[in-house]
Amino acid sequence: MAEILYANGALEARVPAKGKRFTLEELQAIVGGYIGIFQLPDHRFMVLGEESALADLPLNRAASELVTSQHVDIVGDVLVCRRAEL
């Protein structure tokens, strides 16, 4: 099951609305625009807003902790899911 990690610290379990995979529209609605996707060290995937940093969104501490080895700060809301859900 996928999880939305909100920048405000909230967490929400999420399943694709129409079957086994999230639609592009669902992903864009979660992150607030164009999406970027990258693989996490635990082989899950993080879907984030491609232009979130430009929008001056708040730091997402939980998402940033998932990628600490890469020394990046993630901002805005993100979705963490398995490859099969993309």
N, C-alpha and C. Protein backbone atom coordinates (compact mmCIF):
# COMPACT_ATOMS: atom_id res chain seq x y z
N MET A 1 0.84 -1.18 0.00
CA MET A 1 0.00 0.00 0.00
C MET A 1 0.88 1.24 0.00
N ALA A 2 0.47 2.24 -0.70
CA ALA A 2 1.21 3.49 -0.80
C ALA A 2 0.86 4.41 0.37
N GLU A 3 1.73 5.38 0.61
CA GLU A 3 1.50 6.36 1.66
C GLU A 3 1.79 7.76 1.13
N ILE A 4 0.95 8.68 1.51
CA ILE A 4 1.23 10.09 1.24
C ILE A 4 1.90 10.64 2.49
N LEU A 5 3.07 11.23 2.30
CA LEU A 5 3.77 11.91 3.39
C LEU A 5 3.55 13.40 3.18
N TYR A 6 2.74 13.98 4.03
CA TYR A 6 2.44 15.40 3.91
C TYR A 6 3.54 16.23 4.56
N ALA A 7 3.78 17.39 4.02
CA ALA A 7 4.82 18.28 4.55
C ALA A 7 4.52 18.70 5.99
N ASN A 8 3.25 18.68 6.38
CA ASN A 8 2.89 19.08 7.74
C ASN A 8 3.09 17.95 8.75
N GLY A 9 3.62 16.80 8.29
CA GLY A 9 3.89 15.69 9.18
C GLY A 9 2.83 14.61 9.18
N ALA A 10 1.69 14.87 8.58
CA ALA A 10 0.63 13.86 8.53
C ALA A 10 1.00 12.75 7.55
N LEU A 11 0.40 11.60 7.75
CA LEU A 11 0.63 10.43 6.92
C LEU A 11 -0.73 9.85 6.56
N GLU A 12 -0.89 9.45 5.31
CA GLU A 12 -2.17 8.89 4.86
C GLU A 12 -1.91 7.69 3.95
N ALA A 13 -2.50 6.55 4.29
CA ALA A 13 -2.44 5.39 3.41
C ALA A 13 -3.30 5.68 2.19
N ARG A 14 -2.84 5.24 1.01
CA ARG A 14 -3.59 5.53 -0.22
C ARG A 14 -3.48 4.34 -1.16
N VAL A 15 -4.59 4.00 -1.78
CA VAL A 15 -4.60 2.97 -2.81
C VAL A 15 -5.04 3.63 -4.11
N PRO A 16 -4.61 3.10 -5.24
CA PRO A 16 -5.04 3.68 -6.52
C PRO A 16 -6.56 3.62 -6.65
N ALA A 17 -7.14 4.67 -7.16
CA ALA A 17 -8.60 4.77 -7.26
C ALA A 17 -9.18 3.79 -8.28
N LYS A 18 -8.42 3.51 -9.33
CA LYS A 18 -8.96 2.68 -10.41
C LYS A 18 -8.12 1.43 -10.63
N GLY A 19 -7.98 0.62 -9.64
CA GLY A 19 -7.24 -0.61 -9.85
C GLY A 19 -5.93 -0.68 -9.12
N LYS A 20 -4.95 -1.27 -9.79
CA LYS A 20 -3.67 -1.55 -9.15
C LYS A 20 -2.64 -0.44 -9.28
N ARG A 21 -2.84 0.47 -10.25
CA ARG A 21 -1.84 1.52 -10.52
C ARG A 21 -2.47 2.91 -10.41
N PHE A 22 -1.65 3.84 -9.92
CA PHE A 22 -2.08 5.23 -9.86
C PHE A 22 -2.08 5.81 -11.26
N THR A 23 -3.06 6.64 -11.56
CA THR A 23 -3.07 7.35 -12.83
C THR A 23 -2.18 8.58 -12.71
N LEU A 24 -1.77 9.10 -13.85
CA LEU A 24 -0.99 10.34 -13.84
C LEU A 24 -1.75 11.45 -13.14
N GLU A 25 -3.03 11.53 -13.38
CA GLU A 25 -3.85 12.58 -12.76
C GLU A 25 -3.87 12.45 -11.24
N GLU A 26 -3.95 11.21 -10.74
CA GLU A 26 -3.90 11.00 -9.29
C GLU A 26 -2.57 11.47 -8.71
N LEU A 27 -1.50 11.09 -9.36
CA LEU A 27 -0.17 11.47 -8.88
C LEU A 27 0.00 12.98 -8.89
N GLN A 28 -0.44 13.62 -9.95
CA GLN A 28 -0.34 15.09 -10.04
C GLN A 28 -1.17 15.77 -8.96
N ALA A 29 -2.33 15.22 -8.65
CA ALA A 29 -3.18 15.80 -7.61
C ALA A 29 -2.52 15.68 -6.24
N ILE A 30 -1.84 14.58 -5.99
CA ILE A 30 -1.19 14.38 -4.70
C ILE A 30 -0.03 15.35 -4.51
N VAL A 31 0.80 15.53 -5.54
CA VAL A 31 2.00 16.37 -5.39
C VAL A 31 1.79 17.81 -5.84
N GLY A 32 0.67 18.10 -6.46
CA GLY A 32 0.37 19.47 -6.82
C GLY A 32 1.00 19.94 -8.12
N GLY A 33 1.13 19.07 -9.11
CA GLY A 33 1.65 19.49 -10.41
C GLY A 33 2.45 18.40 -11.09
N TYR A 34 3.42 18.84 -11.91
CA TYR A 34 4.27 17.89 -12.62
C TYR A 34 4.96 16.97 -11.63
N ILE A 35 5.15 15.72 -12.02
CA ILE A 35 5.73 14.75 -11.10
C ILE A 35 7.18 14.43 -11.44
N GLY A 36 7.91 14.07 -10.42
CA GLY A 36 9.23 13.49 -10.56
C GLY A 36 9.20 12.20 -9.76
N ILE A 37 9.92 11.19 -10.22
CA ILE A 37 9.92 9.89 -9.55
C ILE A 37 11.36 9.42 -9.38
N PHE A 38 11.69 8.95 -8.19
CA PHE A 38 12.99 8.31 -8.04
C PHE A 38 12.90 7.17 -7.05
N GLN A 39 13.83 6.24 -7.21
CA GLN A 39 13.85 5.04 -6.38
C GLN A 39 14.55 5.31 -5.07
N LEU A 40 13.96 4.81 -4.00
CA LEU A 40 14.52 4.92 -2.66
C LEU A 40 15.46 3.74 -2.39
N PRO A 41 16.33 3.87 -1.40
CA PRO A 41 17.24 2.77 -1.09
C PRO A 41 16.54 1.45 -0.77
N ASP A 42 15.31 1.50 -0.26
CA ASP A 42 14.59 0.27 0.08
C ASP A 42 13.78 -0.28 -1.10
N HIS A 43 14.03 0.24 -2.29
CA HIS A 43 13.42 -0.21 -3.55
C HIS A 43 11.98 0.26 -3.75
N ARG A 44 11.46 1.08 -2.85
CA ARG A 44 10.18 1.74 -3.12
C ARG A 44 10.48 2.97 -3.97
N PHE A 45 9.42 3.63 -4.40
CA PHE A 45 9.58 4.83 -5.23
C PHE A 45 8.92 6.02 -4.56
N MET A 46 9.52 7.18 -4.72
CA MET A 46 8.96 8.42 -4.22
C MET A 46 8.51 9.26 -5.41
N VAL A 47 7.26 9.69 -5.35
CA VAL A 47 6.71 10.59 -6.36
C VAL A 47 6.61 11.95 -5.70
N LEU A 48 7.25 12.94 -6.28
CA LEU A 48 7.24 14.28 -5.71
C LEU A 48 6.96 15.31 -6.79
N GLY A 49 6.66 16.51 -6.36
CA GLY A 49 6.40 17.59 -7.30
C GLY A 49 7.69 18.06 -7.92
N GLU A 50 7.76 18.01 -9.24
CA GLU A 50 8.98 18.38 -9.95
C GLU A 50 9.35 19.85 -9.73
N GLU A 51 8.37 20.69 -9.53
CA GLU A 51 8.64 22.12 -9.36
C GLU A 51 8.37 22.60 -7.93
N SER A 52 8.32 21.67 -6.99
CA SER A 52 7.99 22.02 -5.61
C SER A 52 8.98 23.01 -5.00
N ALA A 53 10.26 22.83 -5.27
CA ALA A 53 11.26 23.73 -4.70
C ALA A 53 11.08 25.15 -5.20
N LEU A 54 10.64 25.29 -6.43
CA LEU A 54 10.42 26.62 -6.99
C LEU A 54 9.19 27.30 -6.39
N ALA A 55 8.27 26.49 -5.86
CA ALA A 55 7.03 27.02 -5.31
C ALA A 55 7.17 27.42 -3.84
N ASP A 56 8.38 27.29 -3.28
CA ASP A 56 8.65 27.67 -1.90
C ASP A 56 7.74 26.92 -0.93
N LEU A 57 7.61 25.60 -1.13
CA LEU A 57 6.80 24.77 -0.25
C LEU A 57 7.58 24.39 1.00
N PRO A 58 6.89 24.03 2.07
CA PRO A 58 7.59 23.70 3.31
C PRO A 58 8.37 22.38 3.21
N LEU A 59 9.39 22.27 4.02
CA LEU A 59 10.21 21.07 4.10
C LEU A 59 9.36 19.89 4.54
N ASN A 60 9.55 18.76 3.90
CA ASN A 60 8.89 17.51 4.28
C ASN A 60 9.94 16.66 4.98
N ARG A 61 9.96 16.74 6.30
CA ARG A 61 11.00 16.06 7.08
C ARG A 61 10.96 14.55 6.92
N ALA A 62 9.77 13.96 6.93
CA ALA A 62 9.67 12.49 6.81
C ALA A 62 10.20 12.03 5.46
N ALA A 63 9.86 12.74 4.39
CA ALA A 63 10.35 12.37 3.06
C ALA A 63 11.85 12.59 2.96
N SER A 64 12.35 13.67 3.53
CA SER A 64 13.79 13.95 3.50
C SER A 64 14.58 12.87 4.23
N GLU A 65 14.03 12.34 5.31
CA GLU A 65 14.72 11.30 6.07
C GLU A 65 14.86 10.01 5.26
N LEU A 66 13.95 9.77 4.33
CA LEU A 66 14.03 8.57 3.50
C LEU A 66 15.19 8.63 2.51
N VAL A 67 15.69 9.83 2.23
CA VAL A 67 16.77 9.99 1.26
C VAL A 67 17.99 10.66 1.88
N THR A 68 18.21 10.44 3.16
CA THR A 68 19.30 11.12 3.86
C THR A 68 20.67 10.83 3.26
N SER A 69 20.85 9.65 2.71
CA SER A 69 22.15 9.33 2.14
C SER A 69 22.47 10.19 0.91
N GLN A 70 21.45 10.80 0.34
CA GLN A 70 21.67 11.63 -0.84
C GLN A 70 21.73 13.12 -0.49
N HIS A 71 21.57 13.45 0.78
CA HIS A 71 21.69 14.82 1.27
C HIS A 71 20.82 15.81 0.50
N VAL A 72 19.55 15.50 0.42
CA VAL A 72 18.61 16.41 -0.24
C VAL A 72 17.47 16.73 0.72
N ASP A 73 16.93 17.91 0.56
CA ASP A 73 15.75 18.30 1.31
C ASP A 73 14.55 18.20 0.38
N ILE A 74 13.57 17.40 0.77
CA ILE A 74 12.34 17.24 -0.01
C ILE A 74 11.32 18.22 0.54
N VAL A 75 10.65 18.91 -0.35
CA VAL A 75 9.61 19.85 0.06
C VAL A 75 8.27 19.43 -0.53
N GLY A 76 7.22 19.84 0.13
CA GLY A 76 5.87 19.54 -0.35
C GLY A 76 5.45 18.12 -0.03
N ASP A 77 4.26 17.76 -0.48
CA ASP A 77 3.70 16.44 -0.24
C ASP A 77 4.24 15.44 -1.26
N VAL A 78 4.45 14.21 -0.81
CA VAL A 78 4.98 13.16 -1.69
C VAL A 78 4.18 11.88 -1.50
N LEU A 79 4.29 11.01 -2.49
CA LEU A 79 3.71 9.67 -2.40
C LEU A 79 4.86 8.67 -2.42
N VAL A 80 4.83 7.71 -1.51
CA VAL A 80 5.82 6.63 -1.49
C VAL A 80 5.05 5.34 -1.79
N CYS A 81 5.52 4.61 -2.82
CA CYS A 81 4.79 3.42 -3.25
C CYS A 81 5.72 2.37 -3.84
N ARG A 82 5.16 1.22 -4.13
CA ARG A 82 5.90 0.14 -4.80
C ARG A 82 5.86 0.39 -6.31
N ARG A 83 6.82 -0.18 -7.00
CA ARG A 83 6.87 -0.04 -8.46
C ARG A 83 5.58 -0.54 -9.12
N ALA A 84 5.01 -1.59 -8.62
CA ALA A 84 3.80 -2.17 -9.21
C ALA A 84 2.62 -1.21 -9.16
N GLU A 85 2.68 -0.18 -8.31
CA GLU A 85 1.59 0.80 -8.21
C GLU A 85 1.75 1.96 -9.17
N LEU A 86 2.87 2.04 -9.85
CA LEU A 86 3.11 3.13 -10.81
C LEU A 86 2.74 2.72 -12.20
